[in-house]
């Protein structure tokens, strides 16, 4: 004998159901739900309250927010959710939004340079109140201010040409100066800055320019070169490190600066292939301080970014705009922290 089918779940009560049970209009129920019962007679307010209790009616938070012109949703677009930087920014932004009564909707571009406009339109379809953009900042799909559906936005880490909005980032120039000066003070005279391809990405350009400024400030006793590394250029990276090591063997201490954690992993792999040792054969400082940095060789020196604070600051800027703050676009550059380990701390 087959089991009886489960009884269908009762339909969720609507505002129309409450109005019918109380014998009033939907507008009257709406006034009651929006704490304007003072506009109703005590008898009508009591009838509506009884109908709400009888039907176990709960208003939709989204409908309530939209009735006030706000969804209380924030759209966050990230270039790559597998990148620890993006995860930390999300964590900081989400906490700030949650504290203010907002929810975050995430769109991951997956490093697809042509999806920014699609992401904006998708989140706009959910009536988000504003955007936090931690995107690639380049490509055919690059958005401008006209693509934001009239919503405020804050840029994180990468600037967008044609979009003059609040911007929150690491102070790249100061962070590079700190890393470079640390190496020079430690006696390193041959420096190699390894970055992902610049390709118009503002944060990469800023760090590269700051590296050039540092080398220029210490010429002629310090020499520096820049190498742009892609994910499939193992031979080229090996050759660049071999050349740097040769210069070190001629009596000058040599060191690498890496533009981010992705580059740091590539450099670590190349050093292993070449049998070179961090801190002994070649010094090292990298941007980003991932959990595994202390575990490689004698420990990798790093510029630790205040990633969660960047996310919180970006969310705070956006919330201030949503509350009516006007004025020109703001630029908030947060300091990094130089974490010295064995890869650059030797005498």
C-alpha atoms as a PDB file:
ATOM      1  CA  UNK A   1       0.000   0.000   0.000  1.00  0.00           C
ATOM      2  CA  UNK A   2       1.523   3.287  -1.050  1.00  0.00           C
ATOM      3  CA  UNK A   3       2.047   6.074   1.460  1.00  0.00           C
ATOM      4  CA  UNK A   4      -0.281   8.996   1.345  1.00  0.00           C
ATOM      5  CA  UNK A   5       1.066  12.049  -0.414  1.00  0.00           C
ATOM      6  CA  UNK A   6       2.065  14.842   1.966  1.00  0.00           C
ATOM      7  CA  UNK A   7      -0.478  17.573   2.360  1.00  0.00           C
ATOM      8  CA  UNK A   8       0.324  20.669   0.301  1.00  0.00           C
ATOM      9  CA  UNK A   9       1.864  23.500   2.254  1.00  0.00           C
ATOM     10  CA  UNK A  10      -0.572  26.341   2.848  1.00  0.00           C
ATOM     11  CA  UNK A  11      -0.024  29.362   0.660  1.00  0.00           C
ATOM     12  CA  UNK A  12       1.679  32.284   2.352  1.00  0.00           C
ATOM     13  CA  UNK A  13      -0.834  34.926   3.392  1.00  0.00           C
ATOM     14  CA  UNK A  14      -0.808  38.138   1.378  1.00  0.00           C
ATOM     15  CA  UNK A  15      -1.702  41.685   2.271  1.00  0.00           C
ATOM     16  CA  UNK A  16      -4.924  41.147   0.292  1.00  0.00           C
ATOM     17  CA  UNK A  17      -5.809  38.209   2.559  1.00  0.00           C
ATOM     18  CA  UNK A  18      -5.293  40.370   5.642  1.00  0.00           C
ATOM     19  CA  UNK A  19      -7.429  43.140   4.171  1.00  0.00           C
ATOM     20  CA  UNK A  20     -10.232  40.691   3.376  1.00  0.00           C
ATOM     21  CA  UNK A  21     -10.146  39.115   6.848  1.00  0.00           C
ATOM     22  CA  UNK A  22     -10.203  42.521   8.545  1.00  0.00           C
ATOM     23  CA  UNK A  23     -12.822  43.961   6.186  1.00  0.00           C
ATOM     24  CA  UNK A  24     -10.598  46.894   5.164  1.00  0.00           C
ATOM     25  CA  UNK A  25      -8.640  48.032   2.136  1.00  0.00           C
ATOM     26  CA  UNK A  26      -5.056  47.005   1.349  1.00  0.00           C
ATOM     27  CA  UNK A  27      -4.019  50.636   1.845  1.00  0.00           C
ATOM     28  CA  UNK A  28      -5.346  50.503   5.401  1.00  0.00           C
ATOM     29  CA  UNK A  29      -3.336  47.336   6.105  1.00  0.00           C
ATOM     30  CA  UNK A  30      -0.261  48.984   4.613  1.00  0.00           C
ATOM     31  CA  UNK A  31      -0.672  51.999   6.911  1.00  0.00           C
ATOM     32  CA  UNK A  32      -0.907  49.665   9.908  1.00  0.00           C
ATOM     33  CA  UNK A  33       2.197  47.692   8.870  1.00  0.00           C
ATOM     34  CA  UNK A  34       4.180  50.880   8.392  1.00  0.00           C
ATOM     35  CA  UNK A  35       3.489  51.900  11.992  1.00  0.00           C
ATOM     36  CA  UNK A  36       0.990  54.547  11.017  1.00  0.00           C
ATOM     37  CA  UNK A  37      -1.843  53.067  13.077  1.00  0.00           C
ATOM     38  CA  UNK A  38      -2.304  56.536  14.564  1.00  0.00           C
ATOM     39  CA  UNK A  39      -4.070  57.337  11.282  1.00  0.00           C
ATOM     40  CA  UNK A  40      -6.593  54.541  11.966  1.00  0.00           C
ATOM     41  CA  UNK A  41      -9.412  54.314  14.457  1.00  0.00           C
ATOM     42  CA  UNK A  42      -8.729  51.997  17.420  1.00  0.00           C
ATOM     43  CA  UNK A  43     -11.410  49.573  16.166  1.00  0.00           C
ATOM     44  CA  UNK A  44      -9.906  49.274  12.665  1.00  0.00           C
ATOM     45  CA  UNK A  45      -6.371  48.970  14.039  1.00  0.00           C
ATOM     46  CA  UNK A  46      -7.514  46.150  16.344  1.00  0.00           C
ATOM     47  CA  UNK A  47      -9.239  44.309  13.464  1.00  0.00           C
ATOM     48  CA  UNK A  48      -6.120  44.524  11.287  1.00  0.00           C
ATOM     49  CA  UNK A  49      -3.903  43.383  14.166  1.00  0.00           C
ATOM     50  CA  UNK A  50      -6.189  40.390  14.777  1.00  0.00           C
ATOM     51  CA  UNK A  51      -6.196  39.435  11.083  1.00  0.00           C
ATOM     52  CA  UNK A  52      -2.386  39.635  10.917  1.00  0.00           C
ATOM     53  CA  UNK A  53      -2.122  37.326  13.933  1.00  0.00           C
ATOM     54  CA  UNK A  54      -4.781  34.918  12.670  1.00  0.00           C
ATOM     55  CA  UNK A  55      -3.151  34.530   9.254  1.00  0.00           C
ATOM     56  CA  UNK A  56       0.435  34.600  10.628  1.00  0.00           C
ATOM     57  CA  UNK A  57       1.138  37.261   8.030  1.00  0.00           C
ATOM     58  CA  UNK A  58       4.722  38.533   7.702  1.00  0.00           C
ATOM     59  CA  UNK A  59       5.465  41.307   5.216  1.00  0.00           C
ATOM     60  CA  UNK A  60       8.170  40.799   2.598  1.00  0.00           C
ATOM     61  CA  UNK A  61      11.328  42.710   3.615  1.00  0.00           C
ATOM     62  CA  UNK A  62      12.044  43.392  -0.070  1.00  0.00           C
ATOM     63  CA  UNK A  63       8.558  44.750  -0.673  1.00  0.00           C
ATOM     64  CA  UNK A  64       8.782  46.943   2.404  1.00  0.00           C
ATOM     65  CA  UNK A  65      12.158  48.304   1.375  1.00  0.00           C
ATOM     66  CA  UNK A  66      11.054  48.970  -2.191  1.00  0.00           C
ATOM     67  CA  UNK A  67       7.982  50.788  -0.919  1.00  0.00           C
ATOM     68  CA  UNK A  68      10.445  53.251   0.618  1.00  0.00           C
ATOM     69  CA  UNK A  69      12.470  53.458  -2.593  1.00  0.00           C
ATOM     70  CA  UNK A  70      15.301  51.203  -1.355  1.00  0.00           C
ATOM     71  CA  UNK A  71      16.018  47.483  -1.677  1.00  0.00           C
ATOM     72  CA  UNK A  72      18.743  47.522   1.000  1.00  0.00           C
ATOM     73  CA  UNK A  73      20.858  45.443  -1.353  1.00  0.00           C
ATOM     74  CA  UNK A  74      24.427  46.298  -2.368  1.00  0.00           C
ATOM     75  CA  UNK A  75      25.935  44.835  -5.534  1.00  0.00           C
ATOM     76  CA  UNK A  76      29.572  43.735  -5.220  1.00  0.00           C
ATOM     77  CA  UNK A  77      31.422  42.777  -8.404  1.00  0.00           C
ATOM     78  CA  UNK A  78      34.816  41.074  -8.085  1.00  0.00           C
ATOM     79  CA  UNK A  79      37.308  40.077 -10.747  1.00  0.00           C
ATOM     80  CA  UNK A  80      38.079  36.640  -9.300  1.00  0.00           C
ATOM     81  CA  UNK A  81      36.490  35.144  -6.187  1.00  0.00           C
ATOM     82  CA  UNK A  82      39.317  32.573  -5.938  1.00  0.00           C
ATOM     83  CA  UNK A  83      41.771  35.426  -5.285  1.00  0.00           C
ATOM     84  CA  UNK A  84      42.329  35.847  -1.510  1.00  0.00           C
ATOM     85  CA  UNK A  85      42.337  39.631  -2.011  1.00  0.00           C
ATOM     86  CA  UNK A  86      38.766  39.544  -3.370  1.00  0.00           C
ATOM     87  CA  UNK A  87      37.608  37.244  -0.558  1.00  0.00           C
ATOM     88  CA  UNK A  88      39.022  39.567   2.113  1.00  0.00           C
ATOM     89  CA  UNK A  89      37.495  42.659   0.476  1.00  0.00           C
ATOM     90  CA  UNK A  90      34.135  40.863   0.341  1.00  0.00           C
ATOM     91  CA  UNK A  91      34.399  39.929   4.027  1.00  0.00           C
ATOM     92  CA  UNK A  92      35.065  43.521   5.067  1.00  0.00           C
ATOM     93  CA  UNK A  93      32.371  45.002   2.835  1.00  0.00           C
ATOM     94  CA  UNK A  94      29.782  42.440   3.907  1.00  0.00           C
ATOM     95  CA  UNK A  95      30.373  43.125   7.609  1.00  0.00           C
ATOM     96  CA  UNK A  96      29.984  46.895   7.173  1.00  0.00           C
ATOM     97  CA  UNK A  97      26.829  46.447   5.083  1.00  0.00           C
ATOM     98  CA  UNK A  98      25.342  43.959   7.541  1.00  0.00           C
ATOM     99  CA  UNK A  99      25.940  46.339  10.436  1.00  0.00           C
ATOM    100  CA  UNK A 100      24.009  49.003   8.499  1.00  0.00           C
ATOM    101  CA  UNK A 101      21.099  46.673   7.653  1.00  0.00           C
ATOM    102  CA  UNK A 102      22.089  45.905   4.057  1.00  0.00           C
ATOM    103  CA  UNK A 103      22.728  42.626   2.259  1.00  0.00           C
ATOM    104  CA  UNK A 104      25.470  42.084  -0.338  1.00  0.00           C
ATOM    105  CA  UNK A 105      24.808  40.438  -3.703  1.00  0.00           C
ATOM    106  CA  UNK A 106      27.983  39.087  -5.324  1.00  0.00           C
ATOM    107  CA  UNK A 107      28.810  38.790  -9.024  1.00  0.00           C
ATOM    108  CA  UNK A 108      32.093  37.023  -9.871  1.00  0.00           C
ATOM    109  CA  UNK A 109      33.572  37.943 -13.257  1.00  0.00           C
ATOM    110  CA  UNK A 110      35.854  34.916 -13.243  1.00  0.00           C
ATOM    111  CA  UNK A 111      38.570  37.081 -14.824  1.00  0.00           C
ATOM    112  CA  UNK A 112      36.434  37.494 -17.956  1.00  0.00           C
ATOM    113  CA  UNK A 113      37.342  41.004 -19.080  1.00  0.00           C
ATOM    114  CA  UNK A 114      34.175  41.470 -21.126  1.00  0.00           C
ATOM    115  CA  UNK A 115      31.496  40.831 -18.472  1.00  0.00           C
ATOM    116  CA  UNK A 116      31.510  44.040 -16.441  1.00  0.00           C
ATOM    117  CA  UNK A 117      28.492  45.571 -18.170  1.00  0.00           C
ATOM    118  CA  UNK A 118      26.625  42.265 -17.933  1.00  0.00           C
ATOM    119  CA  UNK A 119      27.363  42.164 -14.208  1.00  0.00           C
ATOM    120  CA  UNK A 120      26.106  45.715 -13.660  1.00  0.00           C
ATOM    121  CA  UNK A 121      22.890  45.027 -15.574  1.00  0.00           C
ATOM    122  CA  UNK A 122      22.272  41.732 -13.761  1.00  0.00           C
ATOM    123  CA  UNK A 123      22.588  43.289 -10.316  1.00  0.00           C
ATOM    124  CA  UNK A 124      20.581  46.352 -11.367  1.00  0.00           C
ATOM    125  CA  UNK A 125      17.778  43.926 -12.211  1.00  0.00           C
ATOM    126  CA  UNK A 126      17.616  43.084  -8.502  1.00  0.00           C
ATOM    127  CA  UNK A 127      17.180  46.788  -7.692  1.00  0.00           C
ATOM    128  CA  UNK A 128      20.471  47.093  -5.787  1.00  0.00           C
ATOM    129  CA  UNK A 129      20.925  50.500  -4.184  1.00  0.00           C
ATOM    130  CA  UNK A 130      24.562  50.873  -5.229  1.00  0.00           C
ATOM    131  CA  UNK A 131      27.713  49.100  -6.379  1.00  0.00           C
ATOM    132  CA  UNK A 132      31.145  48.209  -5.031  1.00  0.00           C
ATOM    133  CA  UNK A 133      33.419  47.452  -7.990  1.00  0.00           C
ATOM    134  CA  UNK A 134      36.589  45.381  -7.552  1.00  0.00           C
ATOM    135  CA  UNK A 135      36.909  44.456 -11.202  1.00  0.00           C
ATOM    136  CA  UNK A 136      39.540  44.046 -13.901  1.00  0.00           C
ATOM    137  CA  UNK A 137      39.346  47.682 -14.962  1.00  0.00           C
ATOM    138  CA  UNK A 138      39.948  46.946 -18.624  1.00  0.00           C
ATOM    139  CA  UNK A 139      38.496  45.176 -21.649  1.00  0.00           C
ATOM    140  CA  UNK A 140      35.710  45.743 -24.156  1.00  0.00           C
ATOM    141  CA  UNK A 141      33.054  45.440 -21.457  1.00  0.00           C
ATOM    142  CA  UNK A 142      34.520  48.181 -19.279  1.00  0.00           C
ATOM    143  CA  UNK A 143      31.698  50.209 -17.822  1.00  0.00           C
ATOM    144  CA  UNK A 144      31.449  53.947 -17.381  1.00  0.00           C
ATOM    145  CA  UNK A 145      29.275  56.153 -15.222  1.00  0.00           C
ATOM    146  CA  UNK A 146      26.381  55.974 -17.699  1.00  0.00           C
ATOM    147  CA  UNK A 147      26.168  52.185 -17.218  1.00  0.00           C
ATOM    148  CA  UNK A 148      25.401  52.376 -13.500  1.00  0.00           C
ATOM    149  CA  UNK A 149      21.646  53.005 -13.883  1.00  0.00           C
ATOM    150  CA  UNK A 150      21.951  56.194 -11.862  1.00  0.00           C
ATOM    151  CA  UNK A 151      23.231  54.301  -8.805  1.00  0.00           C
ATOM    152  CA  UNK A 152      26.245  55.386  -6.733  1.00  0.00           C
ATOM    153  CA  UNK A 153      29.389  53.262  -6.912  1.00  0.00           C
ATOM    154  CA  UNK A 154      32.749  52.893  -5.206  1.00  0.00           C
ATOM    155  CA  UNK A 155      35.830  51.553  -6.973  1.00  0.00           C
ATOM    156  CA  UNK A 156      38.212  49.248  -5.114  1.00  0.00           C
ATOM    157  CA  UNK A 157      41.892  48.746  -6.041  1.00  0.00           C
ATOM    158  CA  UNK A 158      41.570  49.625  -9.739  1.00  0.00           C
ATOM    159  CA  UNK A 159      40.579  52.903 -11.306  1.00  0.00           C
ATOM    160  CA  UNK A 160      38.269  53.135 -14.317  1.00  0.00           C
ATOM    161  CA  UNK A 161      38.764  55.777 -16.981  1.00  0.00           C
ATOM    162  CA  UNK A 162      35.517  57.691 -17.414  1.00  0.00           C
ATOM    163  CA  UNK A 163      34.130  56.757 -13.986  1.00  0.00           C
ATOM    164  CA  UNK A 164      34.727  59.486 -11.409  1.00  0.00           C
ATOM    165  CA  UNK A 165      33.486  57.902  -8.194  1.00  0.00           C
ATOM    166  CA  UNK A 166      34.861  57.310  -4.714  1.00  0.00           C
ATOM    167  CA  UNK A 167      37.988  55.156  -4.837  1.00  0.00           C
ATOM    168  CA  UNK A 168      39.525  52.986  -2.088  1.00  0.00           C
ATOM    169  CA  UNK A 169      42.874  51.244  -2.413  1.00  0.00           C
ATOM    170  CA  UNK A 170      46.228  50.433  -0.915  1.00  0.00           C
ATOM    171  CA  UNK A 171      48.596  53.402  -1.071  1.00  0.00           C
ATOM    172  CA  UNK A 172      50.663  51.734  -3.782  1.00  0.00           C
ATOM    173  CA  UNK A 173      53.327  54.434  -4.016  1.00  0.00           C
ATOM    174  CA  UNK A 174      53.999  54.496  -0.272  1.00  0.00           C
ATOM    175  CA  UNK A 175      53.978  50.685  -0.041  1.00  0.00           C
ATOM    176  CA  UNK A 176      56.490  50.318  -2.883  1.00  0.00           C
ATOM    177  CA  UNK A 177      58.710  53.013  -1.356  1.00  0.00           C
ATOM    178  CA  UNK A 178      58.681  51.114   1.940  1.00  0.00           C
ATOM    179  CA  UNK A 179      59.591  47.783   0.312  1.00  0.00           C
ATOM    180  CA  UNK A 180      62.238  49.274  -1.951  1.00  0.00           C
ATOM    181  CA  UNK A 181      63.858  51.345   0.794  1.00  0.00           C
ATOM    182  CA  UNK A 182      63.970  48.281   3.049  1.00  0.00           C
ATOM    183  CA  UNK A 183      65.956  46.385   0.413  1.00  0.00           C
ATOM    184  CA  UNK A 184      68.294  49.276  -0.331  1.00  0.00           C
ATOM    185  CA  UNK A 185      68.946  49.800   3.375  1.00  0.00           C
ATOM    186  CA  UNK A 186      69.720  46.080   3.601  1.00  0.00           C
ATOM    187  CA  UNK A 187      72.491  46.421   1.030  1.00  0.00           C
ATOM    188  CA  UNK A 188      70.649  45.194  -2.066  1.00  0.00           C
ATOM    189  CA  UNK A 189      71.846  47.003  -5.169  1.00  0.00           C
ATOM    190  CA  UNK A 190      70.365  45.001  -8.078  1.00  0.00           C
ATOM    191  CA  UNK A 191      66.572  45.012  -7.992  1.00  0.00           C
ATOM    192  CA  UNK A 192      64.117  43.192 -10.238  1.00  0.00           C
ATOM    193  CA  UNK A 193      60.411  44.060 -10.035  1.00  0.00           C
ATOM    194  CA  UNK A 194      58.207  41.260 -11.371  1.00  0.00           C
ATOM    195  CA  UNK A 195      54.595  42.135 -12.115  1.00  0.00           C
ATOM    196  CA  UNK A 196      51.682  40.673 -13.991  1.00  0.00           C
ATOM    197  CA  UNK A 197      51.212  42.352 -17.408  1.00  0.00           C
ATOM    198  CA  UNK A 198      50.369  46.024 -16.919  1.00  0.00           C
ATOM    199  CA  UNK A 199      47.619  46.066 -19.598  1.00  0.00           C
ATOM    200  CA  UNK A 200      46.227  49.344 -18.363  1.00  0.00           C
ATOM    201  CA  UNK A 201      45.529  48.033 -14.833  1.00  0.00           C
ATOM    202  CA  UNK A 202      45.983  51.067 -12.590  1.00  0.00           C
ATOM    203  CA  UNK A 203      47.312  49.294  -9.478  1.00  0.00           C
ATOM    204  CA  UNK A 204      50.010  47.536 -11.521  1.00  0.00           C
ATOM    205  CA  UNK A 205      50.963  50.759 -13.282  1.00  0.00           C
ATOM    206  CA  UNK A 206      51.171  52.661  -9.994  1.00  0.00           C
ATOM    207  CA  UNK A 207      53.443  50.066  -8.368  1.00  0.00           C
ATOM    208  CA  UNK A 208      55.661  49.910 -11.429  1.00  0.00           C
ATOM    209  CA  UNK A 209      55.973  53.694 -11.560  1.00  0.00           C
ATOM    210  CA  UNK A 210      56.788  53.837  -7.835  1.00  0.00           C
ATOM    211  CA  UNK A 211      59.471  51.190  -8.316  1.00  0.00           C
ATOM    212  CA  UNK A 212      61.034  53.322 -11.056  1.00  0.00           C
ATOM    213  CA  UNK A 213      60.956  56.355  -8.772  1.00  0.00           C
ATOM    214  CA  UNK A 214      62.705  54.411  -6.025  1.00  0.00           C
ATOM    215  CA  UNK A 215      65.483  53.211  -8.315  1.00  0.00           C
ATOM    216  CA  UNK A 216      65.948  56.712  -9.721  1.00  0.00           C
ATOM    217  CA  UNK A 217      66.194  58.143  -6.197  1.00  0.00           C
ATOM    218  CA  UNK A 218      69.089  55.798  -5.380  1.00  0.00           C
ATOM    219  CA  UNK A 219      71.007  55.900  -8.666  1.00  0.00           C
ATOM    220  CA  UNK A 220      73.771  55.241  -9.525  1.00  0.00           C
ATOM    221  CA  UNK A 221      74.409  52.842  -6.642  1.00  0.00           C
ATOM    222  CA  UNK A 222      71.135  50.972  -7.270  1.00  0.00           C
ATOM    223  CA  UNK A 223      69.984  49.486 -10.589  1.00  0.00           C
ATOM    224  CA  UNK A 224      66.524  48.160 -11.322  1.00  0.00           C
ATOM    225  CA  UNK A 225      64.623  46.331 -14.038  1.00  0.00           C
ATOM    226  CA  UNK A 226      60.969  45.411 -14.577  1.00  0.00           C
ATOM    227  CA  UNK A 227      59.780  42.039 -15.869  1.00  0.00           C
ATOM    228  CA  UNK A 228      56.141  41.397 -16.831  1.00  0.00           C
ATOM    229  CA  UNK A 229      55.228  37.799 -16.065  1.00  0.00           C
ATOM    230  CA  UNK A 230      52.355  35.824 -17.559  1.00  0.00           C
ATOM    231  CA  UNK A 231      51.097  32.455 -16.407  1.00  0.00           C
ATOM    232  CA  UNK A 232      52.863  30.547 -19.191  1.00  0.00           C
ATOM    233  CA  UNK A 233      56.283  32.210 -19.293  1.00  0.00           C
ATOM    234  CA  UNK A 234      58.292  29.843 -17.098  1.00  0.00           C
ATOM    235  CA  UNK A 235      61.347  29.945 -19.366  1.00  0.00           C
ATOM    236  CA  UNK A 236      61.343  33.737 -19.516  1.00  0.00           C
ATOM    237  CA  UNK A 237      61.003  34.057 -15.749  1.00  0.00           C
ATOM    238  CA  UNK A 238      63.812  31.551 -15.214  1.00  0.00           C
ATOM    239  CA  UNK A 239      66.054  33.544 -17.549  1.00  0.00           C
ATOM    240  CA  UNK A 240      65.296  36.808 -15.720  1.00  0.00           C
ATOM    241  CA  UNK A 241      66.157  35.258 -12.345  1.00  0.00           C
ATOM    242  CA  UNK A 242      69.336  33.655 -13.694  1.00  0.00           C
ATOM    243  CA  UNK A 243      70.476  37.011 -15.045  1.00  0.00           C
ATOM    244  CA  UNK A 244      69.735  38.650 -11.683  1.00  0.00           C
ATOM    245  CA  UNK A 245      71.712  35.952  -9.862  1.00  0.00           C
ATOM    246  CA  UNK A 246      74.687  36.482 -12.154  1.00  0.00           C
ATOM    247  CA  UNK A 247      74.709  40.158 -11.267  1.00  0.00           C
ATOM    248  CA  UNK A 248      74.577  39.186  -7.607  1.00  0.00           C
ATOM    249  CA  UNK A 249      77.608  36.913  -8.004  1.00  0.00           C
ATOM    250  CA  UNK A 250      79.590  39.871  -9.271  1.00  0.00           C
ATOM    251  CA  UNK A 251      79.559  41.276  -5.759  1.00  0.00           C
ATOM    252  CA  UNK A 252      76.242  43.120  -5.638  1.00  0.00           C
ATOM    253  CA  UNK A 253      73.363  41.821  -3.543  1.00  0.00           C
ATOM    254  CA  UNK A 254      70.292  41.236  -5.685  1.00  0.00           C
ATOM    255  CA  UNK A 255      66.614  41.059  -4.772  1.00  0.00           C
ATOM    256  CA  UNK A 256      63.198  40.532  -6.313  1.00  0.00           C
ATOM    257  CA  UNK A 257      60.054  42.514  -5.601  1.00  0.00           C
ATOM    258  CA  UNK A 258      56.841  40.692  -6.601  1.00  0.00           C
ATOM    259  CA  UNK A 259      53.715  42.618  -7.602  1.00  0.00           C
ATOM    260  CA  UNK A 260      51.200  40.321  -5.864  1.00  0.00           C
ATOM    261  CA  UNK A 261      50.708  36.855  -4.386  1.00  0.00           C
ATOM    262  CA  UNK A 262      50.197  35.287  -7.821  1.00  0.00           C
ATOM    263  CA  UNK A 263      53.614  36.521  -8.926  1.00  0.00           C
ATOM    264  CA  UNK A 264      55.138  35.411  -5.613  1.00  0.00           C
ATOM    265  CA  UNK A 265      54.047  31.814  -6.307  1.00  0.00           C
ATOM    266  CA  UNK A 266      55.557  31.968  -9.798  1.00  0.00           C
ATOM    267  CA  UNK A 267      58.831  33.285  -8.402  1.00  0.00           C
ATOM    268  CA  UNK A 268      58.898  30.584  -5.702  1.00  0.00           C
ATOM    269  CA  UNK A 269      58.408  27.886  -8.341  1.00  0.00           C
ATOM    270  CA  UNK A 270      61.158  29.351 -10.542  1.00  0.00           C
ATOM    271  CA  UNK A 271      63.565  29.634  -7.586  1.00  0.00           C
ATOM    272  CA  UNK A 272      62.964  25.935  -6.841  1.00  0.00           C
ATOM    273  CA  UNK A 273      63.576  24.978 -10.475  1.00  0.00           C
ATOM    274  CA  UNK A 274      66.842  26.915 -10.508  1.00  0.00           C
ATOM    275  CA  UNK A 275      68.031  25.678  -7.128  1.00  0.00           C
ATOM    276  CA  UNK A 276      68.207  29.242  -5.762  1.00  0.00           C
ATOM    277  CA  UNK A 277      67.576  30.112  -2.114  1.00  0.00           C
ATOM    278  CA  UNK A 278      65.527  33.032  -0.831  1.00  0.00           C
ATOM    279  CA  UNK A 279      67.548  35.328   1.401  1.00  0.00           C
ATOM    280  CA  UNK A 280      70.893  33.780   0.455  1.00  0.00           C
ATOM    281  CA  UNK A 281      71.126  33.786  -3.317  1.00  0.00           C
ATOM    282  CA  UNK A 282      68.402  36.373  -3.933  1.00  0.00           C
ATOM    283  CA  UNK A 283      66.518  38.620  -1.541  1.00  0.00           C
ATOM    284  CA  UNK A 284      62.748  38.973  -1.786  1.00  0.00           C
ATOM    285  CA  UNK A 285      59.783  41.158  -0.827  1.00  0.00           C
ATOM    286  CA  UNK A 286      56.290  40.583  -2.255  1.00  0.00           C
ATOM    287  CA  UNK A 287      53.043  42.519  -2.273  1.00  0.00           C
ATOM    288  CA  UNK A 288      50.324  40.618  -0.340  1.00  0.00           C
ATOM    289  CA  UNK A 289      51.001  38.487   2.699  1.00  0.00           C
ATOM    290  CA  UNK A 290      49.216  35.145   2.201  1.00  0.00           C
ATOM    291  CA  UNK A 291      49.092  32.541   4.956  1.00  0.00           C
ATOM    292  CA  UNK A 292      51.784  30.461   3.279  1.00  0.00           C
ATOM    293  CA  UNK A 293      54.368  33.281   3.008  1.00  0.00           C
ATOM    294  CA  UNK A 294      56.067  32.394   6.348  1.00  0.00           C
ATOM    295  CA  UNK A 295      56.346  28.746   5.246  1.00  0.00           C
ATOM    296  CA  UNK A 296      58.487  29.202   2.123  1.00  0.00           C
ATOM    297  CA  UNK A 297      62.259  29.095   2.654  1.00  0.00           C
ATOM    298  CA  UNK A 298      63.283  31.334   5.552  1.00  0.00           C
ATOM    299  CA  UNK A 299      59.909  33.088   5.335  1.00  0.00           C
ATOM    300  CA  UNK A 300      58.978  35.596   2.637  1.00  0.00           C
ATOM    301  CA  UNK A 301      58.986  39.287   3.484  1.00  0.00           C
ATOM    302  CA  UNK A 302      55.802  40.992   2.330  1.00  0.00           C
ATOM    303  CA  UNK A 303      53.702  44.111   2.129  1.00  0.00           C
ATOM    304  CA  UNK A 304      50.504  43.138   3.955  1.00  0.00           C
ATOM    305  CA  UNK A 305      47.480  44.903   2.532  1.00  0.00           C
ATOM    306  CA  UNK A 306      44.640  45.955   4.865  1.00  0.00           C
ATOM    307  CA  UNK A 307      42.194  44.084   2.651  1.00  0.00           C
ATOM    308  CA  UNK A 308      39.284  43.741   5.069  1.00  0.00           C
ATOM    309  CA  UNK A 309      39.650  47.390   6.019  1.00  0.00           C
ATOM    310  CA  UNK A 310      39.618  48.296   2.310  1.00  0.00           C
ATOM    311  CA  UNK A 311      36.316  46.427   1.972  1.00  0.00           C
ATOM    312  CA  UNK A 312      34.838  48.087   5.065  1.00  0.00           C
ATOM    313  CA  UNK A 313      35.958  51.525   3.914  1.00  0.00           C
ATOM    314  CA  UNK A 314      34.495  51.017   0.452  1.00  0.00           C
ATOM    315  CA  UNK A 315      31.156  49.956   1.925  1.00  0.00           C
ATOM    316  CA  UNK A 316      31.171  52.898   4.332  1.00  0.00           C
ATOM    317  CA  UNK A 317      31.802  55.328   1.461  1.00  0.00           C
ATOM    318  CA  UNK A 318      28.888  53.879  -0.485  1.00  0.00           C
ATOM    319  CA  UNK A 319      26.546  53.945   2.510  1.00  0.00           C
ATOM    320  CA  UNK A 320      27.430  57.598   3.101  1.00  0.00           C
ATOM    321  CA  UNK A 321      26.460  58.387  -0.491  1.00  0.00           C
ATOM    322  CA  UNK A 322      23.188  56.501  -0.052  1.00  0.00           C
ATOM    323  CA  UNK A 323      22.440  58.617   3.017  1.00  0.00           C
ATOM    324  CA  UNK A 324      22.752  61.752   0.924  1.00  0.00           C
ATOM    325  CA  UNK A 325      26.418  62.749   1.118  1.00  0.00           C
ATOM    326  CA  UNK A 326      27.293  64.930  -1.864  1.00  0.00           C
ATOM    327  CA  UNK A 327      30.494  66.462  -3.141  1.00  0.00           C
ATOM    328  CA  UNK A 328      33.403  65.486  -5.396  1.00  0.00           C
ATOM    329  CA  UNK A 329      34.693  61.938  -5.661  1.00  0.00           C
ATOM    330  CA  UNK A 330      36.930  60.934  -2.768  1.00  0.00           C
ATOM    331  CA  UNK A 331      40.178  58.959  -2.865  1.00  0.00           C
ATOM    332  CA  UNK A 332      41.058  56.932   0.230  1.00  0.00           C
ATOM    333  CA  UNK A 333      44.508  55.312   0.143  1.00  0.00           C
ATOM    334  CA  UNK A 334      45.198  52.970   3.048  1.00  0.00           C
ATOM    335  CA  UNK A 335      48.718  52.154   4.290  1.00  0.00           C
ATOM    336  CA  UNK A 336      50.259  48.720   3.902  1.00  0.00           C
ATOM    337  CA  UNK A 337      52.486  47.056   6.500  1.00  0.00           C
ATOM    338  CA  UNK A 338      55.999  45.816   5.739  1.00  0.00           C
ATOM    339  CA  UNK A 339      56.399  42.357   7.296  1.00  0.00           C
ATOM    340  CA  UNK A 340      60.108  41.477   7.402  1.00  0.00           C
ATOM    341  CA  UNK A 341      61.111  37.799   7.346  1.00  0.00           C
ATOM    342  CA  UNK A 342      64.207  35.858   6.402  1.00  0.00           C
ATOM    343  CA  UNK A 343      64.018  36.454   2.653  1.00  0.00           C
ATOM    344  CA  UNK A 344      65.158  40.057   3.132  1.00  0.00           C
ATOM    345  CA  UNK A 345      66.156  40.339   6.774  1.00  0.00           C
ATOM    346  CA  UNK A 346      69.656  38.852   6.582  1.00  0.00           C
ATOM    347  CA  UNK A 347      72.674  41.010   7.240  1.00  0.00           C
END
